[in-house]
Amino acid sequence: MQPIIECVPNFSEGRDAPKIEAIENAIASADGAVVLHRTSDPDHNRSVITFAGPPEAVLEGAVRAAAAAAKLIDLRVHKGVHPRLGALDVLPFVPVRGATLEDCITLAHRAGERIWRELSVPVYLYEAAARQPTRQRLENVRRGEFEEIREAALVDKSRQPDIGGPALHPTAGAVIVGARRFLIAFNINLQTSDLQIAKDVARAIRTSSGGLPAVKALGLPLVSRNLVQVSMNLTDFQLTGLYAVYNEVERHAAQHGIGIAGTELIGLMPRAAIEEAAASFLKLESFDSQRIVENRIESVVESGK
C-alpha cells in the first residue's frame, strides 16, 4: 500500500465563499490529493481544509494551496479574531499510514523550499520540522502576527524566516510549515458575551498556565453569535481527551455562573478520540479499542485470523 499523509492547511479567509472554493479546488487539482473536509468560521475569518494522499500528491496540493491563497488573500485588509501570520497561515503534514514523522519533516522542508522558490512567500518551520528549538511551538512563531512580524523581521535576526525573506510577502505574509502527530482542534462556546470569562477559563486549562497537559487554549469573541469561545488545540488526545477538557471547561465556566452553549470540532479527529470520550462519559470499565466491533473486525481481517 502507498504511504498516506494528511495535510491540514489553515487559511486566513472564512467569509468569502468563492475564494475558499477556489483554494479548495486548487488542492483537489493535484493528482492523487483528496479533499476530506472543510471548516470555515466568519468570526475567526479562517478556514481549515483537510486533505490526504500519497506524499508527492500532498506536496503538490500544498504548494497549489499556497499559490491560490497568496493570489486571493490580502492580509493588509484581513480582520478576524484568530491569530495569523500568512494568507496560508499554517501548513502541517501528519503521518497517517505507512509513513513516519521523519517522512513528514522531509515533506515539510521540501514544501517550504518550493513555496519560497515558486511564490516568493517566506517560510517559518515549526513543531517537528523546526530548525530552531524556540520555533517548535506555533505560538512562539506567530507571536505579534503579520503586522508586528513584518517589521521585526527586517531588523531582528531572531524573527526572520527559516526559508526566504527576510522581508515577508507584502500581502501573503509567511507560511508556517511543520510536521506533527494528530491534533484535535476543539472549541467550546460559552453562554456569555463576556470575553474576560473565556480568557480566564482558557488560562485555567491550558498547559502553559499550569492546567491540563497537551492543551493549548485561547479565549476569543464570537460577535456574530453574541458568545465567547474557548478555542483549543489538543496536541495529545491520549494524554488529555475530549471528555476531560469538556469537564474542566464546564467546571471553570460554572464558577462564573456560565453554562456551555455548544462545542465545535474543526476539521477531523481520529476515531480513537471519540471512542475514548464515549468510554469516559459512560465510565466503561476495562475498555479498549477492540471492544468496538468495527475495530475488532478490521484487526481480525488484517491479521488473517
Protein backbone atom coordinates (compact mmCIF):
# COMPACT_ATOMS: atom_id res chain seq x y z
CA MET A 1 0.00 0.00 0.00
CA GLN A 2 1.13 3.53 -0.73
CA PRO A 3 2.01 5.73 2.24
CA ILE A 4 -0.70 8.20 3.16
CA ILE A 5 -0.03 11.69 4.51
CA GLU A 6 -2.64 14.08 5.88
CA CYS A 7 -2.27 17.83 5.38
CA VAL A 8 -4.35 20.37 7.31
CA PRO A 9 -3.71 23.88 5.95
CA ASN A 10 -5.28 26.86 7.77
CA PHE A 11 -6.19 29.87 5.63
CA SER A 12 -6.85 33.47 6.65
CA GLU A 13 -10.25 33.60 4.97
CA GLY A 14 -13.54 32.40 6.39
CA ARG A 15 -16.11 34.77 4.90
CA ASP A 16 -15.66 34.89 1.12
CA ALA A 17 -17.10 31.59 -0.16
CA PRO A 18 -15.82 31.91 -3.77
CA LYS A 19 -12.26 32.44 -2.54
CA ILE A 20 -12.46 29.45 -0.22
CA GLU A 21 -13.89 27.30 -3.03
CA ALA A 22 -11.06 28.40 -5.33
CA ILE A 23 -8.44 27.37 -2.77
CA GLU A 24 -10.15 24.00 -2.23
CA ASN A 25 -10.29 23.45 -5.99
CA ALA A 26 -6.59 24.24 -6.27
CA ILE A 27 -5.82 21.50 -3.76
CA ALA A 28 -8.10 19.00 -5.49
CA SER A 29 -6.44 19.73 -8.85
CA ALA A 30 -3.29 17.96 -7.67
CA ASP A 31 -3.48 14.39 -8.98
CA GLY A 32 -3.96 11.99 -6.05
CA ALA A 33 -4.79 14.65 -3.45
CA VAL A 34 -8.24 14.01 -1.92
CA VAL A 35 -10.04 16.78 -0.03
CA LEU A 36 -11.69 15.26 3.05
CA HIS A 37 -13.26 18.18 4.89
CA ARG A 38 -13.52 21.95 5.16
CA THR A 39 -14.45 24.15 8.11
CA SER A 40 -14.90 27.93 7.80
CA ASP A 41 -15.71 30.45 10.52
CA PRO A 42 -16.63 34.10 9.88
CA ASP A 43 -15.63 35.36 13.34
CA HIS A 44 -12.23 33.70 13.14
CA ASN A 45 -12.20 34.66 9.42
CA ARG A 46 -10.38 31.41 8.89
CA SER A 47 -10.82 28.14 7.02
CA VAL A 48 -9.29 24.73 7.63
CA ILE A 49 -9.16 22.29 4.72
CA THR A 50 -8.16 18.70 5.40
CA PHE A 51 -6.80 16.62 2.54
CA ALA A 52 -4.73 13.47 2.18
CA GLY A 53 -2.95 11.25 -0.30
CA PRO A 54 0.46 9.84 -1.22
CA PRO A 55 3.39 12.09 -0.26
CA GLU A 56 4.05 13.58 -3.71
CA ALA A 57 0.37 14.32 -4.28
CA VAL A 58 0.09 16.00 -0.89
CA LEU A 59 3.20 18.05 -1.54
CA GLU A 60 1.79 19.27 -4.85
CA GLY A 61 -1.60 20.03 -3.28
CA ALA A 62 0.08 22.03 -0.53
CA VAL A 63 2.08 24.17 -2.94
CA ARG A 64 -1.02 24.81 -5.08
CA ALA A 65 -2.92 25.79 -1.95
CA ALA A 66 -0.19 28.27 -1.04
CA ALA A 67 -0.27 29.73 -4.55
CA ALA A 68 -4.05 30.18 -4.51
CA ALA A 69 -4.01 31.73 -1.04
CA ALA A 70 -1.25 34.16 -1.98
CA LYS A 71 -3.23 35.24 -5.04
CA LEU A 72 -6.60 35.62 -3.32
CA ILE A 73 -5.92 36.80 0.25
CA ASP A 74 -4.54 40.19 1.26
CA LEU A 75 -3.53 40.32 4.92
CA ARG A 76 -3.41 44.12 4.84
CA VAL A 77 -7.21 44.14 4.87
CA HIS A 78 -7.83 40.86 6.69
CA LYS A 79 -9.58 41.08 10.07
CA GLY A 80 -10.53 38.19 12.35
CA VAL A 81 -10.23 37.10 15.98
CA HIS A 82 -7.82 34.25 15.29
CA PRO A 83 -4.05 34.98 15.26
CA ARG A 84 -2.42 34.77 11.81
CA LEU A 85 0.86 35.40 10.03
CA GLY A 86 0.08 34.28 6.48
CA ALA A 87 -2.62 34.01 3.84
CA LEU A 88 -1.91 30.31 4.07
CA ASP A 89 -1.14 30.59 7.76
CA VAL A 90 -0.25 27.09 8.97
CA LEU A 91 0.65 24.06 6.86
CA PRO A 92 1.16 20.86 8.91
CA PHE A 93 1.93 17.41 7.48
CA VAL A 94 0.75 14.39 9.51
CA PRO A 95 1.67 10.70 9.04
CA VAL A 96 -1.41 8.50 8.63
CA ARG A 97 -0.43 5.14 7.14
CA GLY A 98 2.88 3.69 6.04
CA ALA A 99 4.66 6.96 6.78
CA THR A 100 6.70 8.30 9.68
CA LEU A 101 7.08 11.68 11.33
CA GLU A 102 10.53 11.85 9.71
CA ASP A 103 8.88 11.46 6.31
CA CYS A 104 6.63 14.41 7.14
CA ILE A 105 9.59 16.51 8.27
CA THR A 106 11.25 15.92 4.91
CA LEU A 107 8.00 16.79 3.13
CA ALA A 108 7.60 19.97 5.19
CA HIS A 109 11.10 21.13 4.28
CA ARG A 110 10.52 20.39 0.60
CA ALA A 111 7.22 22.26 0.66
CA GLY A 112 8.86 25.24 2.32
CA GLU A 113 11.62 25.41 -0.28
CA ARG A 114 9.10 25.24 -3.13
CA ILE A 115 6.80 27.87 -1.63
CA TRP A 116 9.69 30.31 -1.38
CA ARG A 117 11.23 29.45 -4.74
CA GLU A 118 7.99 29.42 -6.73
CA LEU A 119 5.86 32.01 -4.90
CA SER A 120 8.35 34.30 -3.13
CA VAL A 121 6.48 33.70 0.14
CA PRO A 122 8.92 33.06 3.01
CA VAL A 123 8.52 30.16 5.40
CA TYR A 124 8.86 29.54 9.13
CA LEU A 125 9.29 25.93 10.28
CA TYR A 126 7.56 24.65 13.43
CA GLU A 127 6.81 21.55 15.52
CA ALA A 128 8.91 18.53 14.49
CA ALA A 129 10.10 20.30 11.33
CA ALA A 130 11.56 23.25 13.27
CA ARG A 131 15.22 24.05 12.69
CA GLN A 132 15.34 26.24 15.78
CA PRO A 133 14.22 24.86 19.18
CA THR A 134 12.43 28.12 20.03
CA ARG A 135 10.19 27.65 16.99
CA GLN A 136 8.79 24.26 17.86
CA ARG A 137 5.73 25.88 19.43
CA LEU A 138 3.44 27.56 16.92
CA GLU A 139 2.56 30.39 19.27
CA ASN A 140 6.24 31.37 19.53
CA VAL A 141 6.49 31.71 15.76
CA ARG A 142 3.24 33.65 15.32
CA ARG A 143 3.54 35.97 18.33
CA GLY A 144 2.89 39.53 17.16
CA GLU A 145 1.14 38.33 13.98
CA PHE A 146 1.59 39.72 10.49
CA GLU A 147 1.61 43.40 11.43
CA GLU A 148 4.39 43.13 14.02
CA ILE A 149 6.49 40.40 12.43
CA ARG A 150 6.71 42.09 9.02
CA GLU A 151 8.53 44.98 10.74
CA ALA A 152 10.57 42.91 13.20
CA ALA A 153 11.89 40.52 10.54
CA LEU A 154 13.66 43.40 8.80
CA VAL A 155 15.77 44.34 11.83
CA ASP A 156 15.82 41.34 14.18
CA LYS A 157 17.53 38.13 13.01
CA SER A 158 15.66 36.09 15.61
CA ARG A 159 12.37 36.99 13.91
CA GLN A 160 13.45 36.26 10.33
CA PRO A 161 12.01 33.31 8.34
CA ASP A 162 13.80 29.96 8.13
CA ILE A 163 13.44 29.88 4.35
CA GLY A 164 13.49 33.03 2.23
CA GLY A 165 13.00 36.59 3.32
CA PRO A 166 13.96 38.38 5.44
CA ALA A 167 11.04 40.52 4.27
CA LEU A 168 7.60 38.94 4.42
CA HIS A 169 5.45 38.85 1.30
CA PRO A 170 3.63 42.23 1.23
CA THR A 171 0.13 40.73 1.06
CA ALA A 172 0.52 36.99 1.81
CA GLY A 173 2.87 37.29 4.79
CA ALA A 174 4.61 33.99 5.50
CA VAL A 175 3.63 30.33 5.73
CA ILE A 176 4.31 28.37 8.92
CA VAL A 177 5.12 24.84 7.76
CA GLY A 178 5.51 21.85 10.06
CA ALA A 179 5.22 18.16 10.79
CA ARG A 180 3.28 16.74 13.72
CA ARG A 181 1.14 13.90 15.03
CA PHE A 182 -2.67 14.05 15.04
CA LEU A 183 -4.07 17.16 16.70
CA ILE A 184 -7.68 17.85 17.61
CA ALA A 185 -8.96 21.41 17.19
CA PHE A 186 -11.88 21.59 19.61
CA ASN A 187 -13.82 24.71 20.60
CA ILE A 188 -16.30 25.23 23.41
CA ASN A 189 -18.70 28.17 23.19
CA LEU A 190 -19.87 29.76 26.42
CA GLN A 191 -23.28 31.28 27.11
CA THR A 192 -21.99 34.81 27.55
CA SER A 193 -20.52 37.68 25.56
CA ASP A 194 -18.01 38.48 28.34
CA LEU A 195 -14.63 37.86 26.71
CA GLN A 196 -12.76 38.05 30.00
CA ILE A 197 -14.54 34.91 31.21
CA ALA A 198 -13.39 32.97 28.14
CA LYS A 199 -9.84 34.23 28.64
CA ASP A 200 -9.92 33.23 32.32
CA VAL A 201 -11.18 29.74 31.51
CA ALA A 202 -8.60 29.32 28.73
CA ARG A 203 -5.82 30.37 31.08
CA ALA A 204 -7.00 27.93 33.74
CA ILE A 205 -6.99 24.88 31.45
CA ARG A 206 -4.00 25.38 29.14
CA THR A 207 -0.72 23.62 29.78
CA SER A 208 1.41 26.77 29.70
CA SER A 209 -0.52 28.19 32.67
CA GLY A 210 -0.32 25.00 34.71
CA GLY A 211 -3.58 23.47 33.52
CA LEU A 212 -4.21 20.25 31.64
CA PRO A 213 -1.32 18.56 29.82
CA ALA A 214 -1.15 18.82 25.99
CA VAL A 215 -3.79 21.57 25.80
CA LYS A 216 -3.43 24.96 24.10
CA ALA A 217 -6.28 27.41 24.64
CA LEU A 218 -7.36 30.95 23.83
CA GLY A 219 -10.43 32.98 24.76
CA LEU A 220 -11.99 34.53 21.65
CA PRO A 221 -15.14 36.59 20.92
CA LEU A 222 -17.83 35.33 18.55
CA VAL A 223 -19.50 38.63 17.78
CA SER A 224 -21.86 37.21 15.14
CA ARG A 225 -23.27 34.80 17.74
CA ASN A 226 -23.08 37.08 20.79
CA LEU A 227 -20.98 34.42 22.53
CA VAL A 228 -17.39 33.84 23.53
CA GLN A 229 -15.29 30.78 22.84
CA VAL A 230 -12.58 28.73 24.46
CA SER A 231 -10.63 27.76 21.35
CA MET A 232 -8.36 24.75 21.91
CA ASN A 233 -5.80 22.50 20.31
CA LEU A 234 -5.41 19.10 21.96
CA THR A 235 -1.90 18.09 20.96
CA ASP A 236 -2.09 14.61 22.53
CA PHE A 237 -5.64 13.35 22.98
CA GLN A 238 -4.38 10.17 24.64
CA LEU A 239 -2.90 12.31 27.39
CA THR A 240 -5.84 14.70 27.68
CA GLY A 241 -9.01 13.69 25.87
CA LEU A 242 -12.17 15.48 24.80
CA TYR A 243 -14.20 14.45 27.82
CA ALA A 244 -11.58 15.66 30.30
CA VAL A 245 -11.30 19.02 28.52
CA TYR A 246 -15.08 19.46 28.36
CA ASN A 247 -15.43 18.72 32.07
CA GLU A 248 -12.75 21.23 33.02
CA VAL A 249 -14.17 23.99 30.84
CA GLU A 250 -17.65 23.31 32.20
CA ARG A 251 -16.36 23.41 35.78
CA HIS A 252 -14.47 26.67 35.38
CA ALA A 253 -17.32 28.30 33.47
CA ALA A 254 -19.76 27.30 36.21
CA GLN A 255 -17.61 29.16 38.73
CA HIS A 256 -18.51 32.29 36.76
CA GLY A 257 -22.18 31.28 36.67
CA ILE A 258 -21.94 30.47 32.95
CA GLY A 259 -23.08 27.39 31.02
CA ILE A 260 -21.89 25.85 27.76
CA ALA A 261 -23.72 26.86 24.59
CA GLY A 262 -22.19 24.16 22.39
CA THR A 263 -18.97 22.69 21.05
CA GLU A 264 -17.26 22.66 17.66
CA LEU A 265 -14.85 20.28 16.01
CA ILE A 266 -12.56 21.98 13.49
CA GLY A 267 -11.51 19.59 10.76
CA LEU A 268 -11.36 15.89 11.53
CA MET A 269 -10.39 13.76 14.52
CA PRO A 270 -9.05 10.22 14.94
CA ARG A 271 -11.65 7.55 15.64
CA ALA A 272 -9.84 6.64 18.86
CA ALA A 273 -10.52 10.12 20.27
CA ILE A 274 -14.29 9.82 20.13
CA GLU A 275 -14.08 6.23 21.41
CA GLU A 276 -12.13 7.48 24.43
CA ALA A 277 -14.60 10.31 25.03
CA ALA A 278 -17.59 7.96 24.90
CA ALA A 279 -15.94 5.42 27.19
CA SER A 280 -15.07 8.15 29.71
CA PHE A 281 -18.59 9.59 29.63
CA LEU A 282 -20.13 6.15 30.16
CA LYS A 283 -17.48 5.19 32.78
CA LEU A 284 -16.83 1.93 30.95
CA GLU A 285 -14.56 -0.37 32.94
CA SER A 286 -11.68 -2.24 31.25
CA PHE A 287 -12.40 -0.56 27.92
CA ASP A 288 -10.07 -0.83 24.96
CA SER A 289 -10.49 -0.11 21.24
CA GLN A 290 -11.03 -3.78 20.43
CA ARG A 291 -14.42 -3.59 22.17
CA ILE A 292 -15.61 -1.58 19.14
CA VAL A 293 -17.00 -4.11 16.69
CA GLU A 294 -15.64 -2.39 13.56
CA ASN A 295 -12.18 -2.19 15.09
CA ARG A 296 -12.24 -5.84 16.04
CA ILE A 297 -13.39 -6.92 12.58
CA GLU A 298 -10.68 -4.82 10.92
CA SER A 299 -7.94 -6.23 13.13
CA VAL A 300 -9.08 -9.82 12.52
CA VAL A 301 -9.27 -9.28 8.76
CA GLU A 302 -5.83 -7.67 8.67
CA SER A 303 -4.24 -10.43 10.74
CA GLY A 304 -5.98 -13.15 8.74
CA LYS A 305 -7.30 -14.81 11.88
